[in-house]
């Protein structure tokens, strides 16, 4: 039970960080709805033919904002989970999968030339998030949430998760300013 509370606290902190980043970047609905249609929605779409010309920074910002805004409901859903429910960890894994997909979508965006180097931060954060979600899922499957091995595995996964969230938030705030 203590591990559930620790994971919940870490995930709640990350949820608030991502929600704040998405909210601070909000644009009028007309802008973000058009951007949402150009943001990839799955990793399979990320392999679609590349555009011949890099987008303008403004268009990239709109696409980034659209993906970040899709994270807000997922983060809010996480904050409402009942930690005492029998399927709490399964629900967390599902939500983490949605966050992971959003990070993949952000990493798949084609950056304008002037921020290509900075965009590597988003790609690195996406890799960290995928590793964290995979590690968390594996640790959660163990079932013995109080074993030292599981506690350490989940702690490591949560630390990697927070690193990914912090990196992505820093990237998004830098690009959106």
N, C-alpha and C. Protein backbone atom coordinates (compact mmCIF):
# COMPACT_ATOMS: atom_id res chain seq x y z
N UNK A 1 0.83 -1.20 0.00
CA UNK A 1 0.00 0.00 0.00
C UNK A 1 0.86 1.25 0.00
N UNK A 2 1.99 1.22 0.72
CA UNK A 2 2.86 2.39 0.78
C UNK A 2 3.42 2.70 -0.61
N UNK A 3 3.73 1.67 -1.41
CA UNK A 3 4.25 1.89 -2.75
C UNK A 3 3.21 2.56 -3.62
N UNK A 4 1.94 2.16 -3.48
CA UNK A 4 0.87 2.79 -4.25
C UNK A 4 0.82 4.27 -3.95
N UNK A 5 0.91 4.62 -2.68
CA UNK A 5 0.84 6.03 -2.29
C UNK A 5 2.03 6.81 -2.82
N UNK A 6 3.22 6.19 -2.78
CA UNK A 6 4.41 6.86 -3.28
C UNK A 6 4.29 7.10 -4.79
N UNK A 7 3.86 6.08 -5.53
CA UNK A 7 3.68 6.22 -6.98
C UNK A 7 2.60 7.25 -7.29
N UNK A 8 1.54 7.21 -6.52
CA UNK A 8 0.46 8.17 -6.75
C UNK A 8 0.95 9.59 -6.54
N UNK A 9 1.76 9.82 -5.53
CA UNK A 9 2.29 11.16 -5.27
C UNK A 9 3.18 11.63 -6.40
N UNK A 10 4.05 10.76 -6.88
CA UNK A 10 4.95 11.12 -7.98
C UNK A 10 4.15 11.39 -9.25
N UNK A 11 3.21 10.51 -9.56
CA UNK A 11 2.41 10.69 -10.77
C UNK A 11 1.51 11.92 -10.68
N UNK A 12 1.00 12.19 -9.49
CA UNK A 12 0.17 13.39 -9.32
C UNK A 12 0.99 14.65 -9.55
N UNK A 13 2.21 14.66 -9.04
CA UNK A 13 3.09 15.82 -9.26
C UNK A 13 3.36 16.01 -10.74
N UNK A 14 3.64 14.91 -11.42
CA UNK A 14 3.89 15.00 -12.86
C UNK A 14 2.64 15.43 -13.61
N UNK A 15 1.49 14.94 -13.17
CA UNK A 15 0.23 15.33 -13.81
C UNK A 15 0.03 16.83 -13.71
N UNK A 16 0.31 17.37 -12.54
CA UNK A 16 0.14 18.81 -12.36
C UNK A 16 1.13 19.59 -13.22
N UNK A 17 2.36 19.11 -13.32
CA UNK A 17 3.37 19.78 -14.14
C UNK A 17 2.93 19.81 -15.60
N UNK A 18 2.50 18.67 -16.11
CA UNK A 18 2.08 18.61 -17.51
C UNK A 18 0.81 19.43 -17.74
N UNK A 19 -0.11 19.37 -16.81
CA UNK A 19 -1.34 20.15 -16.95
C UNK A 19 -1.04 21.64 -16.97
N UNK A 20 -0.12 22.07 -16.10
CA UNK A 20 0.25 23.49 -16.08
C UNK A 20 0.92 23.89 -17.39
N UNK A 21 1.77 23.03 -17.91
CA UNK A 21 2.45 23.34 -19.16
C UNK A 21 1.43 23.46 -20.29
N UNK A 22 0.50 22.54 -20.34
CA UNK A 22 -0.51 22.57 -21.40
C UNK A 22 -1.42 23.78 -21.25
N UNK A 23 -1.82 24.09 -20.03
CA UNK A 23 -2.69 25.23 -19.81
C UNK A 23 -1.99 26.55 -20.12
N UNK A 24 -0.73 26.65 -19.78
CA UNK A 24 -0.02 27.90 -20.02
C UNK A 24 0.22 28.13 -21.49
N UNK A 25 0.09 27.08 -22.29
CA UNK A 25 0.32 27.21 -23.72
C UNK A 25 -0.98 27.31 -24.50
N UNK A 26 -2.11 27.36 -23.82
CA UNK A 26 -3.40 27.33 -24.49
C UNK A 26 -3.54 28.46 -25.49
N UNK A 27 -4.14 28.10 -26.61
CA UNK A 27 -4.44 29.04 -27.68
C UNK A 27 -5.95 29.00 -27.90
N UNK A 28 -6.49 29.94 -28.66
CA UNK A 28 -7.91 29.88 -28.96
C UNK A 28 -8.27 28.55 -29.62
N UNK A 29 -9.49 28.09 -29.40
CA UNK A 29 -9.92 26.79 -29.89
C UNK A 29 -9.77 26.63 -31.39
N UNK A 30 -10.02 27.67 -32.16
CA UNK A 30 -9.91 27.57 -33.61
C UNK A 30 -8.49 27.22 -34.03
N UNK A 31 -7.51 27.80 -33.35
CA UNK A 31 -6.11 27.51 -33.69
C UNK A 31 -5.75 26.09 -33.33
N UNK A 32 -6.11 25.67 -32.11
CA UNK A 32 -5.67 24.34 -31.67
C UNK A 32 -6.44 23.22 -32.36
N UNK A 33 -7.67 23.47 -32.80
CA UNK A 33 -8.39 22.40 -33.48
C UNK A 33 -7.80 22.13 -34.85
N UNK A 34 -7.32 23.16 -35.53
CA UNK A 34 -6.68 22.91 -36.82
C UNK A 34 -5.34 22.26 -36.62
N UNK A 35 -4.66 22.58 -35.54
CA UNK A 35 -3.36 21.99 -35.26
C UNK A 35 -3.51 20.53 -34.88
N UNK A 36 -4.59 20.20 -34.21
CA UNK A 36 -4.77 18.82 -33.78
C UNK A 36 -4.86 17.88 -34.97
N UNK A 37 -5.42 18.35 -36.06
CA UNK A 37 -5.54 17.48 -37.21
C UNK A 37 -4.21 17.24 -37.89
N UNK A 38 -3.22 18.11 -37.67
CA UNK A 38 -1.92 17.90 -38.30
C UNK A 38 -0.94 17.19 -37.40
N UNK A 39 -1.26 17.04 -36.11
CA UNK A 39 -0.38 16.31 -35.20
C UNK A 39 -0.59 14.82 -35.38
N UNK A 40 0.48 14.03 -35.39
CA UNK A 40 0.29 12.59 -35.53
C UNK A 40 -0.48 12.04 -34.35
N UNK A 41 -1.33 11.05 -34.60
CA UNK A 41 -2.11 10.48 -33.51
C UNK A 41 -1.61 9.11 -33.10
N UNK A 42 -0.71 8.56 -33.86
CA UNK A 42 -0.12 7.28 -33.47
C UNK A 42 1.26 7.17 -34.05
N UNK A 43 2.03 6.28 -33.49
CA UNK A 43 3.40 6.12 -33.96
C UNK A 43 3.44 5.59 -35.39
N UNK A 44 2.40 4.90 -35.84
CA UNK A 44 2.39 4.42 -37.21
C UNK A 44 2.24 5.57 -38.19
N UNK A 45 1.53 6.63 -37.79
CA UNK A 45 1.40 7.79 -38.65
C UNK A 45 2.69 8.58 -38.72
N UNK A 46 3.53 8.41 -37.71
CA UNK A 46 4.78 9.14 -37.68
C UNK A 46 5.68 8.73 -38.82
N UNK A 47 5.47 7.57 -39.42
CA UNK A 47 6.31 7.11 -40.51
C UNK A 47 5.76 7.54 -41.86
N UNK A 48 4.73 8.38 -41.86
CA UNK A 48 4.17 8.91 -43.10
C UNK A 48 5.24 9.74 -43.81
N UNK A 49 5.08 9.93 -45.10
CA UNK A 49 6.08 10.71 -45.84
C UNK A 49 6.28 12.08 -45.21
N UNK A 50 7.55 12.48 -45.14
CA UNK A 50 7.86 13.77 -44.53
C UNK A 50 7.49 14.91 -45.49
N UNK A 51 7.18 16.05 -44.90
CA UNK A 51 6.92 17.23 -45.69
C UNK A 51 8.22 17.64 -46.36
N UNK A 52 8.13 18.25 -47.52
CA UNK A 52 9.34 18.66 -48.23
C UNK A 52 9.98 19.88 -47.58
N UNK A 53 9.21 20.60 -46.83
CA UNK A 53 9.69 21.83 -46.21
C UNK A 53 9.33 21.81 -44.73
N UNK A 54 10.29 22.22 -43.91
CA UNK A 54 10.03 22.27 -42.47
C UNK A 54 8.96 23.32 -42.19
N UNK A 55 8.12 23.06 -41.18
CA UNK A 55 7.06 24.03 -40.87
C UNK A 55 7.63 25.31 -40.25
N UNK A 56 6.81 26.32 -40.26
CA UNK A 56 7.18 27.56 -39.58
C UNK A 56 7.07 27.32 -38.08
N UNK A 57 7.81 28.10 -37.31
CA UNK A 57 7.79 27.96 -35.85
C UNK A 57 6.37 28.09 -35.32
N UNK A 58 5.62 29.02 -35.83
CA UNK A 58 4.24 29.24 -35.38
C UNK A 58 3.38 27.98 -35.58
N UNK A 59 3.53 27.33 -36.72
CA UNK A 59 2.77 26.11 -36.99
C UNK A 59 3.21 24.97 -36.06
N UNK A 60 4.50 24.89 -35.83
CA UNK A 60 5.04 23.88 -34.93
C UNK A 60 4.49 24.10 -33.51
N UNK A 61 4.46 25.35 -33.09
CA UNK A 61 3.93 25.67 -31.76
C UNK A 61 2.46 25.27 -31.65
N UNK A 62 1.70 25.50 -32.70
CA UNK A 62 0.29 25.11 -32.69
C UNK A 62 0.14 23.59 -32.57
N UNK A 63 0.97 22.86 -33.33
CA UNK A 63 0.91 21.41 -33.28
C UNK A 63 1.32 20.89 -31.90
N UNK A 64 2.38 21.47 -31.35
CA UNK A 64 2.84 21.09 -30.01
C UNK A 64 1.75 21.36 -28.98
N UNK A 65 1.15 22.52 -29.07
CA UNK A 65 0.08 22.88 -28.14
C UNK A 65 -1.10 21.92 -28.25
N UNK A 66 -1.44 21.52 -29.46
CA UNK A 66 -2.57 20.61 -29.64
C UNK A 66 -2.32 19.28 -28.95
N UNK A 67 -1.11 18.77 -29.06
CA UNK A 67 -0.79 17.49 -28.41
C UNK A 67 -0.78 17.66 -26.89
N UNK A 68 -0.19 18.76 -26.42
CA UNK A 68 -0.14 19.00 -24.97
C UNK A 68 -1.55 19.15 -24.40
N UNK A 69 -2.43 19.80 -25.13
CA UNK A 69 -3.80 19.98 -24.64
C UNK A 69 -4.53 18.64 -24.52
N UNK A 70 -4.18 17.67 -25.38
CA UNK A 70 -4.80 16.34 -25.28
C UNK A 70 -4.37 15.62 -24.01
N UNK A 71 -3.26 16.04 -23.42
CA UNK A 71 -2.79 15.42 -22.17
C UNK A 71 -3.61 15.84 -20.96
N UNK A 72 -4.20 17.01 -20.99
CA UNK A 72 -4.90 17.53 -19.82
C UNK A 72 -6.01 16.58 -19.33
N UNK A 73 -6.89 16.09 -20.21
CA UNK A 73 -7.92 15.16 -19.70
C UNK A 73 -7.32 13.88 -19.11
N UNK A 74 -6.24 13.40 -19.70
CA UNK A 74 -5.60 12.19 -19.17
C UNK A 74 -5.02 12.46 -17.79
N UNK A 75 -4.42 13.62 -17.63
CA UNK A 75 -3.85 13.97 -16.32
C UNK A 75 -4.96 14.16 -15.29
N UNK A 76 -6.05 14.77 -15.71
CA UNK A 76 -7.19 14.94 -14.80
C UNK A 76 -7.79 13.58 -14.42
N UNK A 77 -7.84 12.67 -15.40
CA UNK A 77 -8.34 11.32 -15.13
C UNK A 77 -7.45 10.65 -14.08
N UNK A 78 -6.14 10.82 -14.22
CA UNK A 78 -5.24 10.22 -13.25
C UNK A 78 -5.51 10.75 -11.84
N UNK A 79 -5.70 12.06 -11.75
CA UNK A 79 -5.89 12.68 -10.44
C UNK A 79 -7.17 12.21 -9.75
N UNK A 80 -8.11 11.64 -10.50
CA UNK A 80 -9.36 11.18 -9.91
C UNK A 80 -9.37 9.68 -9.61
N UNK A 81 -8.27 8.98 -9.93
CA UNK A 81 -8.23 7.54 -9.66
C UNK A 81 -8.30 7.25 -8.17
N UNK A 82 -8.97 6.15 -7.84
CA UNK A 82 -9.06 5.70 -6.45
C UNK A 82 -7.88 4.78 -6.17
N UNK A 83 -6.95 5.26 -5.34
CA UNK A 83 -5.75 4.49 -5.02
C UNK A 83 -6.06 3.17 -4.32
N UNK A 84 -7.22 3.07 -3.74
CA UNK A 84 -7.58 1.86 -3.00
C UNK A 84 -8.28 0.82 -3.87
N UNK A 85 -8.56 1.16 -5.12
CA UNK A 85 -9.24 0.18 -5.97
C UNK A 85 -8.28 -0.94 -6.35
N UNK A 86 -8.85 -2.12 -6.55
CA UNK A 86 -8.04 -3.30 -6.88
C UNK A 86 -7.31 -3.15 -8.22
N UNK A 87 -7.88 -2.39 -9.13
CA UNK A 87 -7.25 -2.24 -10.45
C UNK A 87 -6.54 -0.90 -10.62
N UNK A 88 -6.18 -0.28 -9.51
CA UNK A 88 -5.50 1.02 -9.56
C UNK A 88 -4.26 0.99 -10.45
N UNK A 89 -3.39 0.02 -10.24
CA UNK A 89 -2.15 -0.04 -11.02
C UNK A 89 -2.44 -0.25 -12.51
N UNK A 90 -3.46 -1.05 -12.82
CA UNK A 90 -3.83 -1.26 -14.22
C UNK A 90 -4.31 0.05 -14.85
N UNK A 91 -5.10 0.82 -14.09
CA UNK A 91 -5.58 2.11 -14.59
C UNK A 91 -4.42 3.08 -14.80
N UNK A 92 -3.47 3.06 -13.88
CA UNK A 92 -2.29 3.93 -14.01
C UNK A 92 -1.51 3.56 -15.27
N UNK A 93 -1.34 2.27 -15.53
CA UNK A 93 -0.61 1.83 -16.71
C UNK A 93 -1.31 2.33 -17.99
N UNK A 94 -2.63 2.27 -18.01
CA UNK A 94 -3.38 2.75 -19.18
C UNK A 94 -3.14 4.26 -19.39
N UNK A 95 -3.22 5.02 -18.32
CA UNK A 95 -3.01 6.47 -18.43
C UNK A 95 -1.56 6.77 -18.83
N UNK A 96 -0.63 6.05 -18.24
CA UNK A 96 0.77 6.25 -18.63
C UNK A 96 0.97 5.95 -20.11
N UNK A 97 0.26 4.97 -20.62
CA UNK A 97 0.32 4.66 -22.05
C UNK A 97 -0.14 5.84 -22.90
N UNK A 98 -1.17 6.53 -22.44
CA UNK A 98 -1.67 7.72 -23.16
C UNK A 98 -0.64 8.84 -23.12
N UNK A 99 0.00 9.02 -21.97
CA UNK A 99 1.05 10.05 -21.85
C UNK A 99 2.21 9.68 -22.76
N UNK A 100 2.58 8.43 -22.75
CA UNK A 100 3.67 7.95 -23.62
C UNK A 100 3.35 8.25 -25.08
N UNK A 101 2.12 7.97 -25.49
CA UNK A 101 1.73 8.22 -26.89
C UNK A 101 1.81 9.71 -27.22
N UNK A 102 1.42 10.56 -26.29
CA UNK A 102 1.51 12.00 -26.53
C UNK A 102 2.97 12.42 -26.71
N UNK A 103 3.85 11.84 -25.90
CA UNK A 103 5.28 12.15 -26.04
C UNK A 103 5.80 11.67 -27.38
N UNK A 104 5.35 10.49 -27.83
CA UNK A 104 5.74 9.98 -29.14
C UNK A 104 5.25 10.93 -30.23
N UNK A 105 4.01 11.41 -30.08
CA UNK A 105 3.45 12.35 -31.06
C UNK A 105 4.26 13.65 -31.13
N UNK A 106 4.66 14.14 -29.98
CA UNK A 106 5.46 15.37 -29.95
C UNK A 106 6.81 15.14 -30.61
N UNK A 107 7.45 14.03 -30.29
CA UNK A 107 8.76 13.72 -30.87
C UNK A 107 8.67 13.54 -32.39
N UNK A 108 7.51 13.12 -32.88
CA UNK A 108 7.33 12.88 -34.31
C UNK A 108 7.05 14.16 -35.11
N UNK A 109 6.74 15.24 -34.41
CA UNK A 109 6.51 16.49 -35.12
C UNK A 109 7.78 16.94 -35.83
N UNK A 110 7.63 17.46 -37.04
CA UNK A 110 8.79 17.96 -37.79
C UNK A 110 9.06 19.39 -37.33
N UNK A 111 10.22 19.60 -36.70
CA UNK A 111 10.51 20.94 -36.19
C UNK A 111 11.02 21.88 -37.28
N UNK A 112 10.79 23.16 -37.11
CA UNK A 112 11.40 24.12 -38.04
C UNK A 112 12.91 24.12 -37.85
N UNK A 113 13.62 24.53 -38.87
CA UNK A 113 15.08 24.47 -38.86
C UNK A 113 15.69 25.18 -37.64
N UNK A 114 15.10 26.30 -37.24
CA UNK A 114 15.70 27.09 -36.15
C UNK A 114 15.63 26.41 -34.78
N UNK A 115 14.81 25.38 -34.64
CA UNK A 115 14.75 24.70 -33.34
C UNK A 115 15.06 23.21 -33.45
N UNK A 116 15.63 22.80 -34.57
CA UNK A 116 15.92 21.38 -34.76
C UNK A 116 16.74 20.79 -33.62
N UNK A 117 17.77 21.51 -33.18
CA UNK A 117 18.60 21.00 -32.09
C UNK A 117 17.81 20.90 -30.79
N UNK A 118 16.99 21.90 -30.50
CA UNK A 118 16.18 21.87 -29.28
C UNK A 118 15.17 20.72 -29.32
N UNK A 119 14.68 20.40 -30.52
CA UNK A 119 13.68 19.34 -30.66
C UNK A 119 14.23 17.98 -30.23
N UNK A 120 15.55 17.87 -30.18
CA UNK A 120 16.14 16.62 -29.71
C UNK A 120 15.77 16.37 -28.25
N UNK A 121 15.53 17.43 -27.49
CA UNK A 121 15.11 17.28 -26.10
C UNK A 121 13.78 16.53 -26.04
N UNK A 122 12.85 16.88 -26.93
CA UNK A 122 11.55 16.21 -26.97
C UNK A 122 11.72 14.74 -27.36
N UNK A 123 12.59 14.47 -28.29
CA UNK A 123 12.82 13.08 -28.71
C UNK A 123 13.44 12.27 -27.57
N UNK A 124 14.39 12.87 -26.86
CA UNK A 124 15.01 12.19 -25.73
C UNK A 124 13.98 11.97 -24.60
N UNK A 125 13.13 12.97 -24.35
CA UNK A 125 12.10 12.84 -23.32
C UNK A 125 11.12 11.74 -23.69
N UNK A 126 10.81 11.63 -24.97
CA UNK A 126 9.90 10.58 -25.43
C UNK A 126 10.50 9.19 -25.18
N UNK A 127 11.79 9.04 -25.46
CA UNK A 127 12.45 7.75 -25.20
C UNK A 127 12.44 7.43 -23.71
N UNK A 128 12.73 8.43 -22.88
CA UNK A 128 12.71 8.23 -21.43
C UNK A 128 11.32 7.82 -20.97
N UNK A 129 10.30 8.48 -21.51
CA UNK A 129 8.93 8.17 -21.11
C UNK A 129 8.57 6.74 -21.48
N UNK A 130 8.93 6.32 -22.69
CA UNK A 130 8.65 4.94 -23.10
C UNK A 130 9.35 3.94 -22.20
N UNK A 131 10.60 4.23 -21.85
CA UNK A 131 11.34 3.36 -20.93
C UNK A 131 10.68 3.33 -19.55
N UNK A 132 10.25 4.49 -19.08
CA UNK A 132 9.62 4.58 -17.76
C UNK A 132 8.31 3.81 -17.73
N UNK A 133 7.50 3.97 -18.76
CA UNK A 133 6.21 3.28 -18.80
C UNK A 133 6.42 1.77 -18.87
N UNK A 134 7.38 1.35 -19.67
CA UNK A 134 7.67 -0.07 -19.76
C UNK A 134 8.16 -0.62 -18.41
N UNK A 135 9.06 0.10 -17.77
CA UNK A 135 9.59 -0.33 -16.47
C UNK A 135 8.49 -0.35 -15.41
N UNK A 136 7.63 0.66 -15.41
CA UNK A 136 6.53 0.72 -14.45
C UNK A 136 5.57 -0.45 -14.68
N UNK A 137 5.26 -0.71 -15.93
CA UNK A 137 4.34 -1.80 -16.26
C UNK A 137 4.90 -3.14 -15.80
N UNK A 138 6.17 -3.36 -16.05
CA UNK A 138 6.81 -4.60 -15.63
C UNK A 138 6.81 -4.74 -14.10
N UNK A 139 7.14 -3.66 -13.42
CA UNK A 139 7.15 -3.69 -11.96
C UNK A 139 5.75 -3.93 -11.40
N UNK A 140 4.75 -3.32 -12.02
CA UNK A 140 3.37 -3.47 -11.55
C UNK A 140 2.87 -4.90 -11.74
N UNK A 141 3.37 -5.59 -12.77
CA UNK A 141 2.96 -6.98 -13.03
C UNK A 141 3.44 -7.93 -11.93
N UNK A 142 4.49 -7.54 -11.23
CA UNK A 142 5.08 -8.39 -10.21
C UNK A 142 4.05 -8.81 -9.17
N UNK A 143 3.17 -7.90 -8.80
CA UNK A 143 2.12 -8.23 -7.85
C UNK A 143 2.50 -8.00 -6.40
N UNK A 144 3.75 -8.23 -6.04
CA UNK A 144 4.19 -8.03 -4.66
C UNK A 144 4.71 -6.60 -4.53
N UNK A 145 3.81 -5.70 -4.22
CA UNK A 145 4.15 -4.27 -4.21
C UNK A 145 5.01 -3.87 -3.02
N UNK A 146 5.22 -4.76 -2.09
CA UNK A 146 6.03 -4.42 -0.92
C UNK A 146 7.43 -5.04 -0.96
N UNK A 147 7.71 -5.86 -1.98
CA UNK A 147 9.04 -6.46 -2.05
C UNK A 147 10.06 -5.37 -2.38
N UNK A 148 11.26 -5.53 -1.84
CA UNK A 148 12.31 -4.54 -2.08
C UNK A 148 12.60 -4.37 -3.56
N UNK A 149 12.58 -5.48 -4.28
CA UNK A 149 12.87 -5.45 -5.72
C UNK A 149 11.81 -4.62 -6.48
N UNK A 150 10.54 -4.86 -6.17
CA UNK A 150 9.46 -4.13 -6.83
C UNK A 150 9.48 -2.65 -6.46
N UNK A 151 9.69 -2.37 -5.19
CA UNK A 151 9.75 -0.98 -4.73
C UNK A 151 10.87 -0.25 -5.46
N UNK A 152 12.04 -0.88 -5.57
CA UNK A 152 13.16 -0.24 -6.26
C UNK A 152 12.86 -0.05 -7.75
N UNK A 153 12.26 -1.06 -8.38
CA UNK A 153 11.93 -0.97 -9.81
C UNK A 153 10.93 0.15 -10.06
N UNK A 154 9.92 0.26 -9.20
CA UNK A 154 8.91 1.31 -9.38
C UNK A 154 9.51 2.68 -9.08
N UNK A 155 10.36 2.76 -8.10
CA UNK A 155 11.02 4.03 -7.79
C UNK A 155 11.87 4.48 -8.97
N UNK A 156 12.63 3.56 -9.54
CA UNK A 156 13.45 3.88 -10.71
C UNK A 156 12.58 4.34 -11.89
N UNK A 157 11.46 3.63 -12.10
CA UNK A 157 10.55 3.97 -13.19
C UNK A 157 9.94 5.36 -12.97
N UNK A 158 9.55 5.64 -11.74
CA UNK A 158 8.95 6.94 -11.44
C UNK A 158 9.97 8.08 -11.57
N UNK A 159 11.21 7.81 -11.19
CA UNK A 159 12.26 8.83 -11.37
C UNK A 159 12.49 9.13 -12.85
N UNK A 160 12.51 8.09 -13.66
CA UNK A 160 12.67 8.27 -15.10
C UNK A 160 11.47 9.01 -15.68
N UNK A 161 10.29 8.66 -15.19
CA UNK A 161 9.05 9.33 -15.62
C UNK A 161 9.12 10.83 -15.31
N UNK A 162 9.52 11.16 -14.09
CA UNK A 162 9.60 12.58 -13.70
C UNK A 162 10.66 13.31 -14.53
N UNK A 163 11.76 12.64 -14.83
CA UNK A 163 12.78 13.23 -15.68
C UNK A 163 12.21 13.55 -17.06
N UNK A 164 11.49 12.60 -17.62
CA UNK A 164 10.88 12.79 -18.95
C UNK A 164 9.89 13.94 -18.93
N UNK A 165 9.05 13.99 -17.90
CA UNK A 165 8.05 15.05 -17.79
C UNK A 165 8.73 16.42 -17.65
N UNK A 166 9.74 16.48 -16.80
CA UNK A 166 10.46 17.74 -16.58
C UNK A 166 11.13 18.20 -17.87
N UNK A 167 11.77 17.27 -18.57
CA UNK A 167 12.42 17.62 -19.84
C UNK A 167 11.41 18.12 -20.86
N UNK A 168 10.29 17.41 -20.98
CA UNK A 168 9.28 17.80 -21.97
C UNK A 168 8.65 19.14 -21.60
N UNK A 169 8.40 19.35 -20.32
CA UNK A 169 7.83 20.63 -19.91
C UNK A 169 8.80 21.77 -20.22
N UNK A 170 10.08 21.57 -19.90
CA UNK A 170 11.08 22.59 -20.19
C UNK A 170 11.16 22.89 -21.67
N UNK A 171 11.13 21.84 -22.48
CA UNK A 171 11.14 22.01 -23.93
C UNK A 171 9.92 22.80 -24.40
N UNK A 172 8.75 22.38 -23.94
CA UNK A 172 7.50 23.03 -24.39
C UNK A 172 7.48 24.50 -23.95
N UNK A 173 7.88 24.78 -22.73
CA UNK A 173 7.88 26.16 -22.25
C UNK A 173 8.86 27.00 -23.06
N UNK A 174 10.02 26.44 -23.39
CA UNK A 174 11.03 27.16 -24.17
C UNK A 174 10.52 27.45 -25.57
N UNK A 175 9.91 26.47 -26.20
CA UNK A 175 9.44 26.62 -27.57
C UNK A 175 8.24 27.56 -27.64
N UNK A 176 7.40 27.53 -26.63
CA UNK A 176 6.18 28.33 -26.67
C UNK A 176 6.41 29.77 -26.26
N UNK A 177 7.57 30.07 -25.68
CA UNK A 177 7.80 31.46 -25.25
C UNK A 177 8.34 32.32 -26.36
